[in-house]
Amino acid sequence: MSSSDLQIDWLKCFVAVVDAGSLSGAAHEVNRSQSAVSMQMKKLENALGRQLLNRGPRHLQLTDDGQTLLGYARRMLALHAETQAAFHGEALTGRIRLGVAEDYAASYLTPVLKRFAPRYAGVDIELTCEQSTTLIPRVRSGDLDLALVSRDSPHTGTFLFKEPMVWVGSAQFELWRRDPLPIAVYESESLARRYAVHSLAQQGRQFKVVYNSSSLAGQVAAVEGGLAIAAITQCTVQASLQVLGSEHGLGNIEPMEVSILRSRASRGSKAVDSLHGFIINALRENDAIQALRLTGAPR
């Protein structure tokens, strides 16, 4: 074997380190000691002749070369697993309790499940659609196995992509001209609410909250009914809504960081392993996200 050949075990350790954010976390994922994971990483870097991680005192950060390798590594591991299943695998069975934030259900999760379900017909999926602020504690308590959420911290789940936030209103009512600005918001713990208020504060724009709702449907109803403008994810903008920007006196809003969060209790479940990896491979690549946004994703 050439010293430059890339072994599957090295790539598994590399991806585990990235997803776990530490060598110790990766060791638990791949059932190896921390020193063994560290050795695998060194072998991988030596084979490539590139540094893949910057090792700080408290965290690991991907280098540019590490970021490049990550996409290839995920695809290689997915193909490796698929090949093994085709020749040696047993029919996958089990139950997965899956949560999804309302914003991401139609645009992102539905296309993924349409591909996953026919391939693994023996897996039963129980789907729960709620706000991220509700789903995150349910995964952490083990009440759900997986959830696609807007993450509340850099350590919440495996990062997938950033979803833009936009201001929306109704062209029929032109509420953006009012002062103070009437806004519809989510519950007090919502990231969308926090980002919206922060955006207005940065502009020095006066506002008043005239509508509270924990659901996307409630936000849209408030906008369409002429009660308020709202800040929502770009993927949920409907044809009846007008996207508002600088020409309407409104500034940018910080984007949502979307991640897939997994419970500790689900470790060892092959069914959860499979869907977890499937979602990461489907949604983590920028090209895949753009494809979903431009084709076939309901709005």
Protein backbone atom coordinates (compact mmCIF):
# COMPACT_ATOMS: atom_id res chain seq x y z
CA MET A 1 0.00 0.00 0.00
CA SER A 2 1.31 3.43 -0.93
CA SER A 3 2.04 5.83 1.92
CA SER A 4 -0.25 8.33 0.20
CA ASP A 5 -3.26 5.98 0.08
CA LEU A 6 -6.22 7.20 2.14
CA GLN A 7 -7.61 4.55 4.47
CA ILE A 8 -11.29 4.48 5.36
CA ASP A 9 -10.51 4.37 9.09
CA TRP A 10 -8.54 7.61 8.81
CA LEU A 11 -11.41 9.32 7.06
CA LYS A 12 -13.90 8.02 9.62
CA CYS A 13 -11.80 9.50 12.42
CA PHE A 14 -11.41 12.79 10.55
CA VAL A 15 -15.16 13.21 10.02
CA ALA A 16 -15.85 12.17 13.62
CA VAL A 17 -13.41 14.80 14.91
CA VAL A 18 -15.07 17.50 12.81
CA ASP A 19 -18.60 16.51 13.88
CA ALA A 20 -17.72 16.09 17.56
CA GLY A 21 -15.50 19.16 17.69
CA SER A 22 -12.81 17.39 19.71
CA LEU A 23 -10.57 14.33 19.76
CA SER A 24 -12.22 13.02 22.92
CA GLY A 25 -15.69 13.36 21.41
CA ALA A 26 -14.55 11.61 18.24
CA ALA A 27 -13.05 8.78 20.27
CA HIS A 28 -16.51 8.01 21.65
CA GLU A 29 -18.01 8.12 18.14
CA VAL A 30 -15.56 5.64 16.57
CA ASN A 31 -15.01 3.46 19.66
CA ARG A 32 -11.30 4.19 19.88
CA SER A 33 -9.06 5.80 22.46
CA GLN A 34 -8.27 9.49 22.15
CA SER A 35 -4.62 8.68 21.46
CA ALA A 36 -5.65 6.29 18.67
CA VAL A 37 -7.80 8.99 17.06
CA SER A 38 -4.91 11.43 17.30
CA MET A 39 -2.60 8.91 15.62
CA GLN A 40 -5.10 8.31 12.80
CA MET A 41 -5.29 12.04 12.19
CA LYS A 42 -1.50 12.30 12.00
CA LYS A 43 -1.37 9.45 9.49
CA LEU A 44 -4.01 11.15 7.36
CA GLU A 45 -2.19 14.48 7.40
CA ASN A 46 1.11 12.76 6.57
CA ALA A 47 -0.48 10.90 3.65
CA LEU A 48 -1.85 14.15 2.22
CA GLY A 49 1.12 16.28 3.14
CA ARG A 50 -1.29 18.92 4.44
CA GLN A 51 -2.42 20.19 7.83
CA LEU A 52 -6.14 19.58 8.22
CA LEU A 53 -6.86 20.99 11.68
CA ASN A 54 -5.67 23.89 13.77
CA ARG A 55 -5.51 22.58 17.32
CA GLY A 56 -6.28 25.32 19.84
CA PRO A 57 -6.37 24.91 23.64
CA ARG A 58 -10.15 24.62 23.70
CA HIS A 59 -11.29 23.78 20.19
CA LEU A 60 -10.34 22.40 16.79
CA GLN A 61 -10.76 24.40 13.60
CA LEU A 62 -10.62 23.16 10.01
CA THR A 63 -7.90 24.58 7.78
CA ASP A 64 -8.74 25.39 4.16
CA ASP A 65 -7.33 22.00 3.17
CA GLY A 66 -9.37 20.34 5.89
CA GLN A 67 -12.52 21.98 4.60
CA THR A 68 -11.75 20.75 1.09
CA LEU A 69 -11.16 17.20 2.30
CA LEU A 70 -14.34 17.13 4.38
CA GLY A 71 -16.67 17.12 1.37
CA TYR A 72 -14.68 14.34 -0.31
CA ALA A 73 -14.47 12.34 2.92
CA ARG A 74 -18.21 12.40 3.52
CA ARG A 75 -18.94 11.25 -0.02
CA MET A 76 -16.31 8.49 0.17
CA LEU A 77 -17.68 7.21 3.48
CA ALA A 78 -21.25 7.31 2.17
CA LEU A 79 -20.29 5.33 -0.93
CA HIS A 80 -18.26 2.89 1.20
CA ALA A 81 -21.27 2.28 3.46
CA GLU A 82 -23.59 1.90 0.50
CA THR A 83 -21.26 -0.62 -1.15
CA GLN A 84 -20.99 -2.68 2.04
CA ALA A 85 -24.76 -2.69 2.44
CA ALA A 86 -25.26 -3.83 -1.15
CA PHE A 87 -23.07 -6.91 -0.67
CA HIS A 88 -23.06 -7.67 3.04
CA GLY A 89 -25.70 -5.56 4.68
CA GLU A 90 -28.88 -6.66 6.34
CA ALA A 91 -32.18 -4.96 5.64
CA LEU A 92 -32.27 -1.86 7.81
CA THR A 93 -35.15 -1.74 10.30
CA GLY A 94 -36.07 0.33 13.31
CA ARG A 95 -37.89 3.42 14.48
CA ILE A 96 -36.60 6.99 14.28
CA ARG A 97 -38.20 9.84 16.20
CA LEU A 98 -37.34 12.79 13.98
CA GLY A 99 -37.98 16.45 14.68
CA VAL A 100 -37.82 19.36 12.25
CA ALA A 101 -38.20 23.09 12.70
CA GLU A 102 -41.28 24.27 10.84
CA ASP A 103 -39.22 26.50 8.55
CA TYR A 104 -37.13 23.63 7.16
CA ALA A 105 -39.74 20.89 6.76
CA ALA A 106 -40.99 21.51 3.23
CA SER A 107 -37.92 23.07 1.64
CA TYR A 108 -35.20 20.80 2.99
CA LEU A 109 -36.36 17.75 4.92
CA THR A 110 -39.15 16.60 2.59
CA PRO A 111 -36.81 16.18 -0.45
CA VAL A 112 -34.35 14.23 1.74
CA LEU A 113 -37.02 11.90 3.12
CA LYS A 114 -38.32 11.25 -0.39
CA ARG A 115 -34.92 9.77 -1.20
CA PHE A 116 -34.37 8.00 2.12
CA ALA A 117 -37.75 6.31 2.59
CA PRO A 118 -37.76 4.16 -0.58
CA ARG A 119 -34.20 3.01 0.09
CA TYR A 120 -34.93 1.97 3.70
CA ALA A 121 -38.56 0.84 3.63
CA GLY A 122 -38.10 -1.11 6.88
CA VAL A 123 -37.42 2.06 8.88
CA ASP A 124 -40.39 3.77 10.53
CA ILE A 125 -40.06 7.53 10.96
CA GLU A 126 -42.16 9.44 13.47
CA LEU A 127 -41.98 13.10 12.44
CA THR A 128 -42.54 16.03 14.80
CA CYS A 129 -42.71 19.59 13.46
CA GLU A 130 -42.15 22.30 16.09
CA GLN A 131 -39.98 25.33 16.81
CA SER A 132 -36.25 24.77 17.34
CA THR A 133 -36.53 26.09 20.90
CA THR A 134 -38.84 23.16 21.65
CA LEU A 135 -37.02 20.50 19.64
CA ILE A 136 -33.51 21.07 21.03
CA PRO A 137 -34.35 20.18 24.66
CA ARG A 138 -36.40 17.19 23.47
CA VAL A 139 -33.36 15.77 21.67
CA ARG A 140 -31.11 16.44 24.65
CA SER A 141 -33.54 14.63 26.95
CA GLY A 142 -33.75 11.65 24.57
CA ASP A 143 -37.40 12.22 23.71
CA LEU A 144 -36.36 12.63 20.05
CA ASP A 145 -33.52 10.87 18.21
CA LEU A 146 -32.74 13.54 15.62
CA ALA A 147 -33.84 17.08 14.82
CA LEU A 148 -33.15 19.57 12.04
CA VAL A 149 -32.98 22.89 13.87
CA SER A 150 -31.69 26.43 13.99
CA ARG A 151 -28.87 25.96 16.43
CA ASP A 152 -28.71 28.07 19.58
CA SER A 153 -24.94 27.76 20.07
CA PRO A 154 -21.86 26.66 18.07
CA HIS A 155 -21.95 23.32 19.91
CA THR A 156 -25.54 22.40 19.05
CA GLY A 157 -25.45 19.52 16.59
CA THR A 158 -23.56 19.22 13.31
CA PHE A 159 -23.57 22.42 11.28
CA LEU A 160 -25.11 22.06 7.80
CA PHE A 161 -25.65 25.47 6.20
CA LYS A 162 -26.73 29.06 6.80
CA GLU A 163 -30.29 30.04 5.96
CA PRO A 164 -30.83 33.76 5.17
CA MET A 165 -33.40 35.74 7.15
CA VAL A 166 -35.48 38.41 5.38
CA TRP A 167 -38.04 41.04 6.24
CA VAL A 168 -41.43 40.50 4.61
CA GLY A 169 -44.53 42.65 4.31
CA SER A 170 -47.62 43.10 2.21
CA ALA A 171 -47.48 45.47 -0.77
CA GLN A 172 -51.16 46.17 -0.16
CA PHE A 173 -50.58 47.83 3.23
CA GLU A 174 -47.01 49.29 3.08
CA LEU A 175 -46.56 49.06 6.84
CA TRP A 176 -42.80 49.68 6.54
CA ARG A 177 -43.61 53.38 6.19
CA ARG A 178 -44.99 53.59 9.72
CA ASP A 179 -43.14 54.89 12.76
CA PRO A 180 -42.96 53.08 15.07
CA LEU A 181 -42.78 50.01 12.85
CA PRO A 182 -45.38 47.31 13.68
CA ILE A 183 -43.73 43.87 13.79
CA ALA A 184 -44.86 40.28 14.30
CA VAL A 185 -42.47 38.09 16.31
CA TYR A 186 -42.01 34.55 17.57
CA GLU A 187 -41.84 33.52 21.24
CA SER A 188 -39.39 35.29 23.56
CA GLU A 189 -36.70 32.56 23.33
CA SER A 190 -36.74 32.48 19.52
CA LEU A 191 -33.53 33.25 17.62
CA ALA A 192 -35.59 34.80 14.81
CA ARG A 193 -37.11 37.26 17.26
CA ARG A 194 -33.70 38.09 18.74
CA TYR A 195 -32.13 38.65 15.32
CA ALA A 196 -35.05 40.79 14.12
CA VAL A 197 -34.97 43.07 17.16
CA HIS A 198 -31.18 43.33 16.95
CA SER A 199 -31.38 44.38 13.30
CA LEU A 200 -33.85 47.16 14.10
CA ALA A 201 -31.82 48.29 17.11
CA GLN A 202 -28.69 48.58 14.95
CA GLN A 203 -30.60 50.88 12.60
CA GLY A 204 -32.08 52.90 15.41
CA ARG A 205 -35.52 52.08 14.02
CA GLN A 206 -38.44 52.51 16.42
CA PHE A 207 -40.81 49.52 16.53
CA LYS A 208 -43.67 47.99 18.47
CA VAL A 209 -44.61 44.32 18.77
CA VAL A 210 -48.23 43.97 17.69
CA TYR A 211 -48.42 40.20 17.16
CA ASN A 212 -46.88 37.19 18.91
CA SER A 213 -47.07 33.68 17.48
CA SER A 214 -45.00 30.54 17.86
CA SER A 215 -45.89 29.37 14.34
CA LEU A 216 -44.81 30.39 10.86
CA ALA A 217 -48.47 30.34 9.76
CA GLY A 218 -49.23 32.92 12.42
CA GLN A 219 -46.45 35.20 11.20
CA VAL A 220 -47.65 34.95 7.60
CA ALA A 221 -51.25 35.60 8.63
CA ALA A 222 -50.23 38.75 10.50
CA VAL A 223 -48.36 40.06 7.45
CA GLU A 224 -51.06 39.16 4.92
CA GLY A 225 -53.73 40.68 7.19
CA GLY A 226 -51.96 44.01 7.31
CA LEU A 227 -51.12 43.87 11.02
CA ALA A 228 -47.34 43.84 10.83
CA ILE A 229 -44.16 43.06 8.95
CA ALA A 230 -42.10 40.05 10.05
CA ALA A 231 -38.65 38.48 9.86
CA ILE A 232 -38.74 34.92 8.47
CA THR A 233 -36.39 32.48 6.80
CA GLN A 234 -35.87 32.95 3.07
CA CYS A 235 -36.95 29.38 2.32
CA THR A 236 -40.44 30.06 3.69
CA VAL A 237 -41.23 33.22 1.71
CA GLN A 238 -44.53 32.77 -0.13
CA ALA A 239 -45.65 34.49 -3.33
CA SER A 240 -48.13 36.61 -1.37
CA LEU A 241 -45.32 38.23 0.63
CA GLN A 242 -43.05 41.09 -0.42
CA VAL A 243 -39.40 40.87 0.57
CA LEU A 244 -38.31 44.17 2.12
CA GLY A 245 -34.82 45.64 2.04
CA SER A 246 -32.81 48.84 2.25
CA GLU A 247 -35.16 50.61 -0.15
CA HIS A 248 -37.87 50.12 2.48
CA GLY A 249 -35.66 51.41 5.29
CA LEU A 250 -34.82 47.96 6.63
CA GLY A 251 -31.38 46.45 7.20
CA ASN A 252 -29.92 42.96 6.98
CA ILE A 253 -30.74 40.25 9.51
CA GLU A 254 -28.23 37.69 10.78
CA PRO A 255 -28.76 34.30 9.05
CA MET A 256 -29.80 31.14 10.86
CA GLU A 257 -27.23 28.37 11.33
CA VAL A 258 -29.00 25.11 10.54
CA SER A 259 -27.76 21.89 12.13
CA ILE A 260 -28.74 18.28 12.68
CA LEU A 261 -28.84 17.39 16.37
CA ARG A 262 -28.68 13.81 17.65
CA SER A 263 -29.50 12.39 21.08
CA ARG A 264 -26.96 10.43 23.10
CA ALA A 265 -29.60 7.76 23.69
CA SER A 266 -29.72 6.97 19.96
CA ARG A 267 -26.05 5.95 19.78
CA GLY A 268 -25.80 2.42 18.45
CA SER A 269 -29.00 2.58 16.42
CA LYS A 270 -28.14 1.66 12.84
CA ALA A 271 -31.35 3.22 11.59
CA VAL A 272 -30.52 6.56 13.24
CA ASP A 273 -26.91 6.26 12.05
CA SER A 274 -28.15 5.90 8.51
CA LEU A 275 -30.59 8.83 8.51
CA HIS A 276 -28.16 11.07 10.39
CA GLY A 277 -25.47 10.50 7.78
CA PHE A 278 -27.99 10.74 4.95
CA ILE A 279 -29.18 14.18 6.07
CA ILE A 280 -25.62 15.45 6.49
CA ASN A 281 -24.58 14.26 3.05
CA ALA A 282 -27.72 15.69 1.43
CA LEU A 283 -27.75 19.10 3.09
CA ARG A 284 -24.19 19.98 3.96
CA GLU A 285 -22.95 20.56 0.43
CA ASN A 286 -23.56 24.09 -0.87
CA ASP A 287 -24.42 22.78 -4.34
CA ALA A 288 -27.11 20.57 -2.86
CA ILE A 289 -28.63 23.46 -0.94
CA GLN A 290 -28.71 25.65 -4.02
CA ALA A 291 -30.33 22.85 -6.00
CA LEU A 292 -33.05 22.51 -3.38
CA ARG A 293 -33.66 26.23 -3.37
CA LEU A 294 -33.91 26.46 -7.14
CA THR A 295 -35.76 23.25 -7.99
CA GLY A 296 -38.38 21.05 -6.52
CA ALA A 297 -38.53 22.57 -3.04
CA PRO A 298 -42.02 23.68 -2.11
CA ARG A 299 -42.42 27.23 -0.85
